[in-house]
Amino acid sequence: NIGNVNKTSGASGYSDFTGDVINVTKGSSVSVSLTPGFVSGAYTEYWKVWIDWNKDGDFNDTGEEVFSQSGSSAVSGSFTVPTSAITGTTRVRVIMQYGSAPSACSSPNYGEVEDYTISIQ
């Protein structure tokens, strides 16, 4: 769950969920709750979420990593939409990776990468 989007996905390496739109307002707080699924036994997973606030096509700018946690069950928290974010739609990337914290361009052997759209008002 990120904001208004509640998505259940499977282990497919990469999933393009850009048809799922997270609606936010500048200055608002957005809740995040991410839950791993395990076939057998629980493992520590590393989660990160990035948002391309300035729409420059990458997640390298200060403040674009908005969430980072690890755990063997659900992790949760929130982030605040910057007032400097550019209005309109842009990309959100969520990565879960086993073994170490991912980078925005990770392609984990054990984990998943999902892209979503965020609409900033």
PDB file of N, CA and C in Angstrom:
ATOM      1  N   ASN A   1       0.841  -1.188   0.000  1.00  0.00           N
ATOM      2  CA  ASN A   1       0.000   0.000   0.000  1.00  0.00           C
ATOM      3  C   ASN A   1       0.882   1.245   0.000  1.00  0.00           C
ATOM      4  N   ILE A   2       0.578   2.124  -0.933  1.00  0.00           N
ATOM      5  CA  ILE A   2       1.180   3.457  -0.917  1.00  0.00           C
ATOM      6  C   ILE A   2       0.035   4.420  -1.184  1.00  0.00           C
ATOM      7  N   GLY A   3      -0.261   5.264  -0.184  1.00  0.00           N
ATOM      8  CA  GLY A   3      -1.376   6.200  -0.337  1.00  0.00           C
ATOM      9  C   GLY A   3      -2.659   5.469  -0.680  1.00  0.00           C
ATOM     10  N   ASN A   4      -3.298   5.852  -1.790  1.00  0.00           N
ATOM     11  CA  ASN A   4      -4.582   5.273  -2.175  1.00  0.00           C
ATOM     12  C   ASN A   4      -4.460   3.970  -2.966  1.00  0.00           C
ATOM     13  N   VAL A   5      -3.242   3.516  -3.265  1.00  0.00           N
ATOM     14  CA  VAL A   5      -3.061   2.294  -4.062  1.00  0.00           C
ATOM     15  C   VAL A   5      -2.749   1.114  -3.159  1.00  0.00           C
ATOM     16  N   ASN A   6      -3.566   0.065  -3.283  1.00  0.00           N
ATOM     17  CA  ASN A   6      -3.393  -1.180  -2.548  1.00  0.00           C
ATOM     18  C   ASN A   6      -3.208  -2.270  -3.602  1.00  0.00           C
ATOM     19  N   LYS A   7      -1.996  -2.767  -3.759  1.00  0.00           N
ATOM     20  CA  LYS A   7      -1.675  -3.696  -4.836  1.00  0.00           C
ATOM     21  C   LYS A   7      -1.079  -4.975  -4.276  1.00  0.00           C
ATOM     22  N   THR A   8      -1.609  -6.107  -4.695  1.00  0.00           N
ATOM     23  CA  THR A   8      -1.011  -7.396  -4.389  1.00  0.00           C
ATOM     24  C   THR A   8      -0.349  -7.880  -5.670  1.00  0.00           C
ATOM     25  N   SER A   9       0.917  -8.225  -5.565  1.00  0.00           N
ATOM     26  CA  SER A   9       1.641  -8.666  -6.750  1.00  0.00           C
ATOM     27  C   SER A   9       2.332  -9.983  -6.456  1.00  0.00           C
ATOM     28  N   GLY A  10       2.917 -10.572  -7.484  1.00  0.00           N
ATOM     29  CA  GLY A  10       3.650 -11.820  -7.330  1.00  0.00           C
ATOM     30  C   GLY A  10       5.116 -11.612  -7.617  1.00  0.00           C
ATOM     31  N   ALA A  11       5.882 -12.629  -7.373  1.00  0.00           N
ATOM     32  CA  ALA A  11       7.326 -12.554  -7.595  1.00  0.00           C
ATOM     33  C   ALA A  11       7.627 -12.715  -9.080  1.00  0.00           C
ATOM     34  N   SER A  12       7.751 -11.596  -9.778  1.00  0.00           N
ATOM     35  CA  SER A  12       7.993 -11.672 -11.218  1.00  0.00           C
ATOM     36  C   SER A  12       9.240 -10.922 -11.655  1.00  0.00           C
ATOM     37  N   GLY A  13      10.092 -10.523 -10.737  1.00  0.00           N
ATOM     38  CA  GLY A  13      11.292  -9.776 -11.106  1.00  0.00           C
ATOM     39  C   GLY A  13      10.990  -8.307 -11.319  1.00  0.00           C
ATOM     40  N   TYR A  14      10.291  -7.992 -12.439  1.00  0.00           N
ATOM     41  CA  TYR A  14       9.892  -6.611 -12.710  1.00  0.00           C
ATOM     42  C   TYR A  14       8.418  -6.578 -13.079  1.00  0.00           C
ATOM     43  N   SER A  15       7.696  -5.601 -12.528  1.00  0.00           N
ATOM     44  CA  SER A  15       6.283  -5.406 -12.874  1.00  0.00           C
ATOM     45  C   SER A  15       6.041  -3.941 -13.188  1.00  0.00           C
ATOM     46  N   ASP A  16       5.396  -3.693 -14.322  1.00  0.00           N
ATOM     47  CA  ASP A  16       5.031  -2.342 -14.742  1.00  0.00           C
ATOM     48  C   ASP A  16       3.587  -2.097 -14.328  1.00  0.00           C
ATOM     49  N   PHE A  17       3.420  -1.409 -13.204  1.00  0.00           N
ATOM     50  CA  PHE A  17       2.095  -1.070 -12.694  1.00  0.00           C
ATOM     51  C   PHE A  17       1.829   0.423 -12.870  1.00  0.00           C
ATOM     52  N   THR A  18       2.381   1.020 -13.914  1.00  0.00           N
ATOM     53  CA  THR A  18       2.216   2.454 -14.119  1.00  0.00           C
ATOM     54  C   THR A  18       0.772   2.838 -14.423  1.00  0.00           C
ATOM     55  N   GLY A  19      -0.093   1.860 -14.664  1.00  0.00           N
ATOM     56  CA  GLY A  19      -1.524   2.132 -14.811  1.00  0.00           C
ATOM     57  C   GLY A  19      -2.202   2.378 -13.470  1.00  0.00           C
ATOM     58  N   ASP A  20      -1.519   2.022 -12.379  1.00  0.00           N
ATOM     59  CA  ASP A  20      -2.019   2.275 -11.026  1.00  0.00           C
ATOM     60  C   ASP A  20      -1.489   3.631 -10.572  1.00  0.00           C
ATOM     61  N   VAL A  21      -2.389   4.571 -10.304  1.00  0.00           N
ATOM     62  CA  VAL A  21      -1.992   5.956 -10.022  1.00  0.00           C
ATOM     63  C   VAL A  21      -2.196   6.287  -8.540  1.00  0.00           C
ATOM     64  N   ILE A  22      -1.114   6.736  -7.912  1.00  0.00           N
ATOM     65  CA  ILE A  22      -1.140   7.196  -6.527  1.00  0.00           C
ATOM     66  C   ILE A  22      -1.429   8.695  -6.567  1.00  0.00           C
ATOM     67  N   ASN A  23      -2.518   9.124  -5.959  1.00  0.00           N
ATOM     68  CA  ASN A  23      -2.916  10.536  -5.972  1.00  0.00           C
ATOM     69  C   ASN A  23      -2.452  11.222  -4.694  1.00  0.00           C
ATOM     70  N   VAL A  24      -1.691  12.311  -4.855  1.00  0.00           N
ATOM     71  CA  VAL A  24      -1.165  13.047  -3.698  1.00  0.00           C
ATOM     72  C   VAL A  24      -1.293  14.546  -3.922  1.00  0.00           C
ATOM     73  N   THR A  25      -1.133  15.283  -2.843  1.00  0.00           N
ATOM     74  CA  THR A  25      -1.144  16.745  -2.868  1.00  0.00           C
ATOM     75  C   THR A  25       0.168  17.241  -2.285  1.00  0.00           C
ATOM     76  N   LYS A  26       0.738  18.295  -2.888  1.00  0.00           N
ATOM     77  CA  LYS A  26       1.971  18.877  -2.361  1.00  0.00           C
ATOM     78  C   LYS A  26       1.804  19.200  -0.876  1.00  0.00           C
ATOM     79  N   GLY A  27       2.825  18.861  -0.093  1.00  0.00           N
ATOM     80  CA  GLY A  27       2.812  19.135   1.336  1.00  0.00           C
ATOM     81  C   GLY A  27       2.121  18.086   2.182  1.00  0.00           C
ATOM     82  N   SER A  28       1.448  17.109   1.549  1.00  0.00           N
ATOM     83  CA  SER A  28       0.721  16.100   2.322  1.00  0.00           C
ATOM     84  C   SER A  28       1.630  14.943   2.734  1.00  0.00           C
ATOM     85  N   SER A  29       1.209  14.241   3.783  1.00  0.00           N
ATOM     86  CA  SER A  29       1.894  13.041   4.235  1.00  0.00           C
ATOM     87  C   SER A  29       1.222  11.837   3.585  1.00  0.00           C
ATOM     88  N   VAL A  30       2.031  10.894   3.083  1.00  0.00           N
ATOM     89  CA  VAL A  30       1.521   9.714   2.379  1.00  0.00           C
ATOM     90  C   VAL A  30       1.986   8.471   3.132  1.00  0.00           C
ATOM     91  N   SER A  31       1.046   7.586   3.463  1.00  0.00           N
ATOM     92  CA  SER A  31       1.388   6.373   4.200  1.00  0.00           C
ATOM     93  C   SER A  31       1.922   5.294   3.262  1.00  0.00           C
ATOM     94  N   VAL A  32       2.844   4.486   3.803  1.00  0.00           N
ATOM     95  CA  VAL A  32       3.447   3.367   3.083  1.00  0.00           C
ATOM     96  C   VAL A  32       3.370   2.148   3.983  1.00  0.00           C
ATOM     97  N   SER A  33       2.887   1.028   3.438  1.00  0.00           N
ATOM     98  CA  SER A  33       2.885  -0.249   4.148  1.00  0.00           C
ATOM     99  C   SER A  33       3.193  -1.334   3.125  1.00  0.00           C
ATOM    100  N   LEU A  34       4.335  -2.001   3.300  1.00  0.00           N
ATOM    101  CA  LEU A  34       4.802  -2.997   2.337  1.00  0.00           C
ATOM    102  C   LEU A  34       4.969  -4.335   3.044  1.00  0.00           C
ATOM    103  N   THR A  35       4.411  -5.389   2.452  1.00  0.00           N
ATOM    104  CA  THR A  35       4.404  -6.709   3.074  1.00  0.00           C
ATOM    105  C   THR A  35       5.007  -7.743   2.138  1.00  0.00           C
ATOM    106  N   PRO A  36       6.068  -8.435   2.571  1.00  0.00           N
ATOM    107  CA  PRO A  36       6.645  -9.481   1.729  1.00  0.00           C
ATOM    108  C   PRO A  36       5.794 -10.745   1.773  1.00  0.00           C
ATOM    109  N   GLY A  37       5.887 -11.536   0.727  1.00  0.00           N
ATOM    110  CA  GLY A  37       5.242 -12.846   0.709  1.00  0.00           C
ATOM    111  C   GLY A  37       6.331 -13.899   0.596  1.00  0.00           C
ATOM    112  N   PHE A  38       6.233 -14.946   1.373  1.00  0.00           N
ATOM    113  CA  PHE A  38       7.254 -15.990   1.370  1.00  0.00           C
ATOM    114  C   PHE A  38       6.623 -17.334   1.052  1.00  0.00           C
ATOM    115  N   VAL A  39       7.326 -18.130   0.249  1.00  0.00           N
ATOM    116  CA  VAL A  39       6.874 -19.476  -0.067  1.00  0.00           C
ATOM    117  C   VAL A  39       7.125 -20.378   1.132  1.00  0.00           C
ATOM    118  N   SER A  40       8.311 -20.253   1.737  1.00  0.00           N
ATOM    119  CA  SER A  40       8.627 -21.040   2.938  1.00  0.00           C
ATOM    120  C   SER A  40       9.615 -20.262   3.788  1.00  0.00           C
ATOM    121  N   GLY A  41       9.292 -20.073   5.041  1.00  0.00           N
ATOM    122  CA  GLY A  41      10.159 -19.343   5.947  1.00  0.00           C
ATOM    123  C   GLY A  41      10.234 -17.858   5.640  1.00  0.00           C
ATOM    124  N   ALA A  42      10.517 -17.064   6.652  1.00  0.00           N
ATOM    125  CA  ALA A  42      10.622 -15.620   6.492  1.00  0.00           C
ATOM    126  C   ALA A  42      12.095 -15.218   6.458  1.00  0.00           C
ATOM    127  N   TYR A  43      12.407 -14.236   5.627  1.00  0.00           N
ATOM    128  CA  TYR A  43      13.754 -13.718   5.481  1.00  0.00           C
ATOM    129  C   TYR A  43      13.730 -12.206   5.630  1.00  0.00           C
ATOM    130  N   THR A  44      14.854 -11.635   6.015  1.00  0.00           N
ATOM    131  CA  THR A  44      14.941 -10.182   6.069  1.00  0.00           C
ATOM    132  C   THR A  44      15.006  -9.635   4.654  1.00  0.00           C
ATOM    133  N   GLU A  45      14.087  -8.753   4.335  1.00  0.00           N
ATOM    134  CA  GLU A  45      14.019  -8.096   3.025  1.00  0.00           C
ATOM    135  C   GLU A  45      14.308  -6.616   3.206  1.00  0.00           C
ATOM    136  N   TYR A  46      14.943  -6.027   2.204  1.00  0.00           N
ATOM    137  CA  TYR A  46      15.257  -4.601   2.205  1.00  0.00           C
ATOM    138  C   TYR A  46      14.331  -3.910   1.212  1.00  0.00           C
ATOM    139  N   TRP A  47      13.669  -2.866   1.650  1.00  0.00           N
ATOM    140  CA  TRP A  47      12.699  -2.125   0.840  1.00  0.00           C
ATOM    141  C   TRP A  47      13.170  -0.690   0.634  1.00  0.00           C
ATOM    142  N   LYS A  48      12.952  -0.185  -0.580  1.00  0.00           N
ATOM    143  CA  LYS A  48      13.157   1.239  -0.837  1.00  0.00           C
ATOM    144  C   LYS A  48      12.091   1.704  -1.824  1.00  0.00           C
ATOM    145  N   VAL A  49      11.733   2.985  -1.695  1.00  0.00           N
ATOM    146  CA  VAL A  49      10.792   3.627  -2.608  1.00  0.00           C
ATOM    147  C   VAL A  49      11.409   4.942  -3.062  1.00  0.00           C
ATOM    148  N   TRP A  50      11.358   5.180  -4.375  1.00  0.00           N
ATOM    149  CA  TRP A  50      11.857   6.422  -4.962  1.00  0.00           C
ATOM    150  C   TRP A  50      10.744   7.085  -5.768  1.00  0.00           C
ATOM    151  N   ILE A  51      10.774   8.412  -5.814  1.00  0.00           N
ATOM    152  CA  ILE A  51       9.828   9.175  -6.645  1.00  0.00           C
ATOM    153  C   ILE A  51      10.623  10.244  -7.398  1.00  0.00           C
ATOM    154  N   ASP A  52      10.405  10.329  -8.697  1.00  0.00           N
ATOM    155  CA  ASP A  52      11.092  11.300  -9.553  1.00  0.00           C
ATOM    156  C   ASP A  52      10.371  12.643  -9.469  1.00  0.00           C
ATOM    157  N   TRP A  53      10.552  13.333  -8.338  1.00  0.00           N
ATOM    158  CA  TRP A  53       9.823  14.576  -8.057  1.00  0.00           C
ATOM    159  C   TRP A  53      10.016  15.637  -9.136  1.00  0.00           C
ATOM    160  N   ASN A  54      11.212  15.729  -9.707  1.00  0.00           N
ATOM    161  CA  ASN A  54      11.488  16.795 -10.675  1.00  0.00           C
ATOM    162  C   ASN A  54      11.344  16.332 -12.133  1.00  0.00           C
ATOM    163  N   LYS A  55      10.880  15.117 -12.329  1.00  0.00           N
ATOM    164  CA  LYS A  55      10.580  14.565 -13.665  1.00  0.00           C
ATOM    165  C   LYS A  55      11.770  14.618 -14.622  1.00  0.00           C
ATOM    166  N   ASP A  56      12.980  14.337 -14.111  1.00  0.00           N
ATOM    167  CA  ASP A  56      14.144  14.343 -14.997  1.00  0.00           C
ATOM    168  C   ASP A  56      14.534  12.943 -15.470  1.00  0.00           C
ATOM    169  N   GLY A  57      13.696  11.950 -15.178  1.00  0.00           N
ATOM    170  CA  GLY A  57      13.912  10.606 -15.698  1.00  0.00           C
ATOM    171  C   GLY A  57      14.834   9.727 -14.881  1.00  0.00           C
ATOM    172  N   ASP A  58      15.223  10.173 -13.675  1.00  0.00           N
ATOM    173  CA  ASP A  58      16.051   9.335 -12.810  1.00  0.00           C
ATOM    174  C   ASP A  58      15.608   9.502 -11.355  1.00  0.00           C
ATOM    175  N   PHE A  59      16.232   8.717 -10.492  1.00  0.00           N
ATOM    176  CA  PHE A  59      15.941   8.786  -9.059  1.00  0.00           C
ATOM    177  C   PHE A  59      17.183   9.190  -8.280  1.00  0.00           C
ATOM    178  N   ASN A  60      18.068   9.975  -8.903  1.00  0.00           N
ATOM    179  CA  ASN A  60      19.364  10.318  -8.319  1.00  0.00           C
ATOM    180  C   ASN A  60      19.375  11.602  -7.501  1.00  0.00           C
ATOM    181  N   ASP A  61      18.319  12.383  -7.563  1.00  0.00           N
ATOM    182  CA  ASP A  61      18.342  13.703  -6.931  1.00  0.00           C
ATOM    183  C   ASP A  61      18.025  13.621  -5.437  1.00  0.00           C
ATOM    184  N   THR A  62      18.513  14.585  -4.700  1.00  0.00           N
ATOM    185  CA  THR A  62      18.270  14.668  -3.264  1.00  0.00           C
ATOM    186  C   THR A  62      16.776  14.630  -2.986  1.00  0.00           C
ATOM    187  N   GLY A  63      16.374  13.776  -2.051  1.00  0.00           N
ATOM    188  CA  GLY A  63      14.973  13.690  -1.644  1.00  0.00           C
ATOM    189  C   GLY A  63      14.125  12.743  -2.460  1.00  0.00           C
ATOM    190  N   GLU A  64      14.692  12.119  -3.507  1.00  0.00           N
ATOM    191  CA  GLU A  64      13.879  11.213  -4.331  1.00  0.00           C
ATOM    192  C   GLU A  64      13.764   9.813  -3.735  1.00  0.00           C
ATOM    193  N   GLU A  65      14.674   9.431  -2.834  1.00  0.00           N
ATOM    194  CA  GLU A  65      14.471   8.212  -2.057  1.00  0.00           C
ATOM    195  C   GLU A  65      13.583   8.601  -0.878  1.00  0.00           C
ATOM    196  N   VAL A  66      12.335   8.116  -0.860  1.00  0.00           N
ATOM    197  CA  VAL A  66      11.358   8.591   0.118  1.00  0.00           C
ATOM    198  C   VAL A  66      11.073   7.587   1.233  1.00  0.00           C
ATOM    199  N   PHE A  67      11.518   6.330   1.062  1.00  0.00           N
ATOM    200  CA  PHE A  67      11.225   5.309   2.062  1.00  0.00           C
ATOM    201  C   PHE A  67      12.322   4.258   2.020  1.00  0.00           C
ATOM    202  N   SER A  68      12.795   3.823   3.198  1.00  0.00           N
ATOM    203  CA  SER A  68      13.821   2.786   3.297  1.00  0.00           C
ATOM    204  C   SER A  68      13.670   2.069   4.622  1.00  0.00           C
ATOM    205  N   GLN A  69      13.396   0.764   4.559  1.00  0.00           N
ATOM    206  CA  GLN A  69      13.289  -0.052   5.765  1.00  0.00           C
ATOM    207  C   GLN A  69      13.640  -1.490   5.431  1.00  0.00           C
ATOM    208  N   SER A  70      13.895  -2.274   6.458  1.00  0.00           N
ATOM    209  CA  SER A  70      14.108  -3.706   6.268  1.00  0.00           C
ATOM    210  C   SER A  70      13.360  -4.453   7.357  1.00  0.00           C
ATOM    211  N   GLY A  71      13.058  -5.726   7.072  1.00  0.00           N
ATOM    212  CA  GLY A  71      12.379  -6.562   8.048  1.00  0.00           C
ATOM    213  C   GLY A  71      11.918  -7.856   7.413  1.00  0.00           C
ATOM    214  N   SER A  72      11.464  -8.780   8.255  1.00  0.00           N
ATOM    215  CA  SER A  72      10.988 -10.076   7.771  1.00  0.00           C
ATOM    216  C   SER A  72       9.466 -10.166   7.790  1.00  0.00           C
ATOM    217  N   SER A  73       8.822  -9.029   8.023  1.00  0.00           N
ATOM    218  CA  SER A  73       7.356  -8.934   7.957  1.00  0.00           C
ATOM    219  C   SER A  73       7.029  -7.539   7.412  1.00  0.00           C
ATOM    220  N   ALA A  74       5.813  -7.118   7.560  1.00  0.00           N
ATOM    221  CA  ALA A  74       5.393  -5.817   7.020  1.00  0.00           C
ATOM    222  C   ALA A  74       6.240  -4.680   7.582  1.00  0.00           C
ATOM    223  N   VAL A  75       6.556  -3.727   6.713  1.00  0.00           N
ATOM    224  CA  VAL A  75       7.238  -2.499   7.128  1.00  0.00           C
ATOM    225  C   VAL A  75       6.311  -1.347   6.782  1.00  0.00           C
ATOM    226  N   SER A  76       6.363  -0.284   7.582  1.00  0.00           N
ATOM    227  CA  SER A  76       5.471   0.842   7.307  1.00  0.00           C
ATOM    228  C   SER A  76       6.103   2.150   7.755  1.00  0.00           C
ATOM    229  N   GLY A  77       5.546   3.213   7.216  1.00  0.00           N
ATOM    230  CA  GLY A  77       6.007   4.550   7.539  1.00  0.00           C
ATOM    231  C   GLY A  77       5.266   5.540   6.666  1.00  0.00           C
ATOM    232  N   SER A  78       5.901   6.665   6.394  1.00  0.00           N
ATOM    233  CA  SER A  78       5.266   7.675   5.546  1.00  0.00           C
ATOM    234  C   SER A  78       6.332   8.582   4.958  1.00  0.00           C
ATOM    235  N   PHE A  79       5.934   9.378   3.987  1.00  0.00           N
ATOM    236  CA  PHE A  79       6.795  10.414   3.434  1.00  0.00           C
ATOM    237  C   PHE A  79       5.935  11.630   3.165  1.00  0.00           C
ATOM    238  N   THR A  80       6.571  12.793   3.048  1.00  0.00           N
ATOM    239  CA  THR A  80       5.869  14.031   2.764  1.00  0.00           C
ATOM    240  C   THR A  80       6.155  14.460   1.334  1.00  0.00           C
ATOM    241  N   VAL A  81       5.117  14.831   0.610  1.00  0.00           N
ATOM    242  CA  VAL A  81       5.257  15.309  -0.761  1.00  0.00           C
ATOM    243  C   VAL A  81       5.847  16.709  -0.700  1.00  0.00           C
ATOM    244  N   PRO A  82       7.019  16.916  -1.311  1.00  0.00           N
ATOM    245  CA  PRO A  82       7.626  18.247  -1.248  1.00  0.00           C
ATOM    246  C   PRO A  82       6.785  19.303  -1.958  1.00  0.00           C
ATOM    247  N   THR A  83       6.772  20.502  -1.427  1.00  0.00           N
ATOM    248  CA  THR A  83       6.043  21.593  -2.081  1.00  0.00           C
ATOM    249  C   THR A  83       6.728  21.990  -3.385  1.00  0.00           C
ATOM    250  N   SER A  84       7.993  21.592  -3.563  1.00  0.00           N
ATOM    251  CA  SER A  84       8.730  21.881  -4.794  1.00  0.00           C
ATOM    252  C   SER A  84       8.483  20.845  -5.896  1.00  0.00           C
ATOM    253  N   ALA A  85       7.755  19.769  -5.583  1.00  0.00           N
ATOM    254  CA  ALA A  85       7.477  18.729  -6.590  1.00  0.00           C
ATOM    255  C   ALA A  85       6.721  19.332  -7.766  1.00  0.00           C
ATOM    256  N   ILE A  86       7.027  18.852  -8.966  1.00  0.00           N
ATOM    257  CA  ILE A  86       6.379  19.360 -10.168  1.00  0.00           C
ATOM    258  C   ILE A  86       4.995  18.728 -10.295  1.00  0.00           C
ATOM    259  N   THR A  87       3.970  19.552 -10.473  1.00  0.00           N
ATOM    260  CA  THR A  87       2.587  19.090 -10.606  1.00  0.00           C
ATOM    261  C   THR A  87       2.448  18.208 -11.846  1.00  0.00           C
ATOM    262  N   GLY A  88       1.600  17.198 -11.736  1.00  0.00           N
ATOM    263  CA  GLY A  88       1.353  16.280 -12.844  1.00  0.00           C
ATOM    264  C   GLY A  88       1.747  14.867 -12.450  1.00  0.00           C
ATOM    265  N   THR A  89       2.017  14.034 -13.447  1.00  0.00           N
ATOM    266  CA  THR A  89       2.347  12.644 -13.163  1.00  0.00           C
ATOM    267  C   THR A  89       3.835  12.379 -13.360  1.00  0.00           C
ATOM    268  N   THR A  90       4.335  11.419 -12.578  1.00  0.00           N
ATOM    269  CA  THR A  90       5.724  10.994 -12.678  1.00  0.00           C
ATOM    270  C   THR A  90       5.835   9.566 -12.153  1.00  0.00           C
ATOM    271  N   ARG A  91       7.031   9.028 -12.173  1.00  0.00           N
ATOM    272  CA  ARG A  91       7.292   7.624 -11.856  1.00  0.00           C
ATOM    273  C   ARG A  91       7.616   7.410 -10.387  1.00  0.00           C
ATOM    274  N   VAL A  92       7.123   6.269  -9.868  1.00  0.00           N
ATOM    275  CA  VAL A  92       7.453   5.772  -8.532  1.00  0.00           C
ATOM    276  C   VAL A  92       8.088   4.399  -8.724  1.00  0.00           C
ATOM    277  N   ARG A  93       9.167   4.125  -8.024  1.00  0.00           N
ATOM    278  CA  ARG A  93       9.788   2.794  -8.075  1.00  0.00           C
ATOM    279  C   ARG A  93       9.838   2.219  -6.670  1.00  0.00           C
ATOM    280  N   VAL A  94       9.394   0.966  -6.545  1.00  0.00           N
ATOM    281  CA  VAL A  94       9.433   0.223  -5.288  1.00  0.00           C
ATOM    282  C   VAL A  94      10.308  -1.005  -5.527  1.00  0.00           C
ATOM    283  N   ILE A  95      11.304  -1.214  -4.664  1.00  0.00           N
ATOM    284  CA  ILE A  95      12.142  -2.406  -4.778  1.00  0.00           C
ATOM    285  C   ILE A  95      12.212  -3.117  -3.439  1.00  0.00           C
ATOM    286  N   MET A  96      12.004  -4.437  -3.487  1.00  0.00           N
ATOM    287  CA  MET A  96      12.252  -5.321  -2.354  1.00  0.00           C
ATOM    288  C   MET A  96      13.402  -6.227  -2.776  1.00  0.00           C
ATOM    289  N   GLN A  97      14.423  -6.323  -1.925  1.00  0.00           N
ATOM    290  CA  GLN A  97      15.596  -7.127  -2.273  1.00  0.00           C
ATOM    291  C   GLN A  97      16.082  -7.881  -1.053  1.00  0.00           C
ATOM    292  N   TYR A  98      16.450  -9.121  -1.236  1.00  0.00           N
ATOM    293  CA  TYR A  98      17.032  -9.946  -0.182  1.00  0.00           C
ATOM    294  C   TYR A  98      18.541  -9.713  -0.120  1.00  0.00           C
ATOM    295  N   GLY A  99      19.098  -9.655   1.085  1.00  0.00           N
ATOM    296  CA  GLY A  99      20.541  -9.646   1.269  1.00  0.00           C
ATOM    297  C   GLY A  99      21.181  -8.294   1.502  1.00  0.00           C
ATOM    298  N   SER A 100      20.683  -7.242   0.845  1.00  0.00           N
ATOM    299  CA  SER A 100      21.257  -5.909   1.035  1.00  0.00           C
ATOM    300  C   SER A 100      20.281  -4.876   0.489  1.00  0.00           C
ATOM    301  N   ALA A 101      20.499  -3.639   0.888  1.00  0.00           N
ATOM    302  CA  ALA A 101      19.628  -2.550   0.431  1.00  0.00           C
ATOM    303  C   ALA A 101      19.840  -2.320  -1.071  1.00  0.00           C
ATOM    304  N   PRO A 102      18.759  -2.156  -1.829  1.00  0.00           N
ATOM    305  CA  PRO A 102      18.875  -1.960  -3.277  1.00  0.00           C
ATOM    306  C   PRO A 102      19.210  -0.522  -3.646  1.00  0.00           C
ATOM    307  N   SER A 103      19.683  -0.352  -4.874  1.00  0.00           N
ATOM    308  CA  SER A 103      19.788   0.975  -5.470  1.00  0.00           C
ATOM    309  C   SER A 103      18.600   1.124  -6.414  1.00  0.00           C
ATOM    310  N   ALA A 104      18.346   2.319  -6.896  1.00  0.00           N
ATOM    311  CA  ALA A 104      17.183   2.572  -7.751  1.00  0.00           C
ATOM    312  C   ALA A 104      17.229   1.794  -9.056  1.00  0.00           C
ATOM    313  N   CYS A 105      18.421   1.361  -9.476  1.00  0.00           N
ATOM    314  CA  CYS A 105      18.552   0.608 -10.728  1.00  0.00           C
ATOM    315  C   CYS A 105      18.852  -0.865 -10.486  1.00  0.00           C
ATOM    316  N   SER A 106      18.631  -1.342  -9.256  1.00  0.00           N
ATOM    317  CA  SER A 106      18.867  -2.746  -8.937  1.00  0.00           C
ATOM    318  C   SER A 106      17.959  -3.653  -9.748  1.00  0.00           C
ATOM    319  N   SER A 107      18.485  -4.828 -10.041  1.00  0.00           N
ATOM    320  CA  SER A 107      17.712  -5.905 -10.661  1.00  0.00           C
ATOM    321  C   SER A 107      17.980  -7.148  -9.823  1.00  0.00           C
ATOM    322  N   PRO A 108      17.303  -7.256  -8.671  1.00  0.00           N
ATOM    323  CA  PRO A 108      17.657  -8.284  -7.692  1.00  0.00           C
ATOM    324  C   PRO A 108      17.379  -9.712  -8.168  1.00  0.00           C
ATOM    325  N   ASN A 109      18.307 -10.623  -7.816  1.00  0.00           N
ATOM    326  CA  ASN A 109      18.082 -12.051  -8.064  1.00  0.00           C
ATOM    327  C   ASN A 109      16.959 -12.572  -7.176  1.00  0.00           C
ATOM    328  N   TYR A 110      16.921 -12.064  -5.951  1.00  0.00           N
ATOM    329  CA  TYR A 110      15.895 -12.461  -4.990  1.00  0.00           C
ATOM    330  C   TYR A 110      15.171 -11.207  -4.546  1.00  0.00           C
ATOM    331  N   GLY A 111      14.076 -10.894  -5.210  1.00  0.00           N
ATOM    332  CA  GLY A 111      13.324  -9.695  -4.893  1.00  0.00           C
ATOM    333  C   GLY A 111      12.469  -9.279  -6.066  1.00  0.00           C
ATOM    334  N   GLU A 112      12.039  -8.035  -6.035  1.00  0.00           N
ATOM    335  CA  GLU A 112      11.124  -7.561  -7.065  1.00  0.00           C
ATOM    336  C   GLU A 112      11.244  -6.051  -7.227  1.00  0.00           C
ATOM    337  N   VAL A 113      11.057  -5.590  -8.462  1.00  0.00           N
ATOM    338  CA  VAL A 113      11.027  -4.174  -8.805  1.00  0.00           C
ATOM    339  C   VAL A 113       9.645  -3.882  -9.375  1.00  0.00           C
ATOM    340  N   GLU A 114       9.003  -2.831  -8.872  1.00  0.00           N
ATOM    341  CA  GLU A 114       7.683  -2.427  -9.380  1.00  0.00           C
ATOM    342  C   GLU A 114       7.677  -0.927  -9.630  1.00  0.00           C
ATOM    343  N   ASP A 115       7.140  -0.531 -10.776  1.00  0.00           N
ATOM    344  CA  ASP A 115       6.984   0.880 -11.102  1.00  0.00           C
ATOM    345  C   ASP A 115       5.501   1.252 -11.096  1.00  0.00           C
ATOM    346  N   TYR A 116       5.212   2.441 -10.552  1.00  0.00           N
ATOM    347  CA  TYR A 116       3.859   2.981 -10.465  1.00  0.00           C
ATOM    348  C   TYR A 116       3.896   4.404 -10.973  1.00  0.00           C
ATOM    349  N   THR A 117       2.726   5.017 -11.106  1.00  0.00           N
ATOM    350  CA  THR A 117       2.598   6.429 -11.447  1.00  0.00           C
ATOM    351  C   THR A 117       2.083   7.171 -10.226  1.00  0.00           C
ATOM    352  N   ILE A 118       2.586   8.378 -10.021  1.00  0.00           N
ATOM    353  CA  ILE A 118       2.069   9.251  -8.974  1.00  0.00           C
ATOM    354  C   ILE A 118       1.556  10.522  -9.635  1.00  0.00           C
ATOM    355  N   SER A 119       0.393  10.974  -9.202  1.00  0.00           N
ATOM    356  CA  SER A 119      -0.199  12.201  -9.715  1.00  0.00           C
ATOM    357  C   SER A 119      -0.146  13.240  -8.607  1.00  0.00           C
ATOM    358  N   ILE A 120       0.596  14.315  -8.856  1.00  0.00           N
ATOM    359  CA  ILE A 120       0.845  15.345  -7.843  1.00  0.00           C
ATOM    360  C   ILE A 120      -0.036  16.556  -8.146  1.00  0.00           C
ATOM    361  N   GLN A 121      -0.836  16.932  -7.170  1.00  0.00           N
ATOM    362  CA  GLN A 121      -1.721  18.109  -7.300  1.00  0.00           C
ATOM    363  C   GLN A 121      -1.194  19.242  -6.462  1.00  0.00           C
TER     364      GLN A 121
END
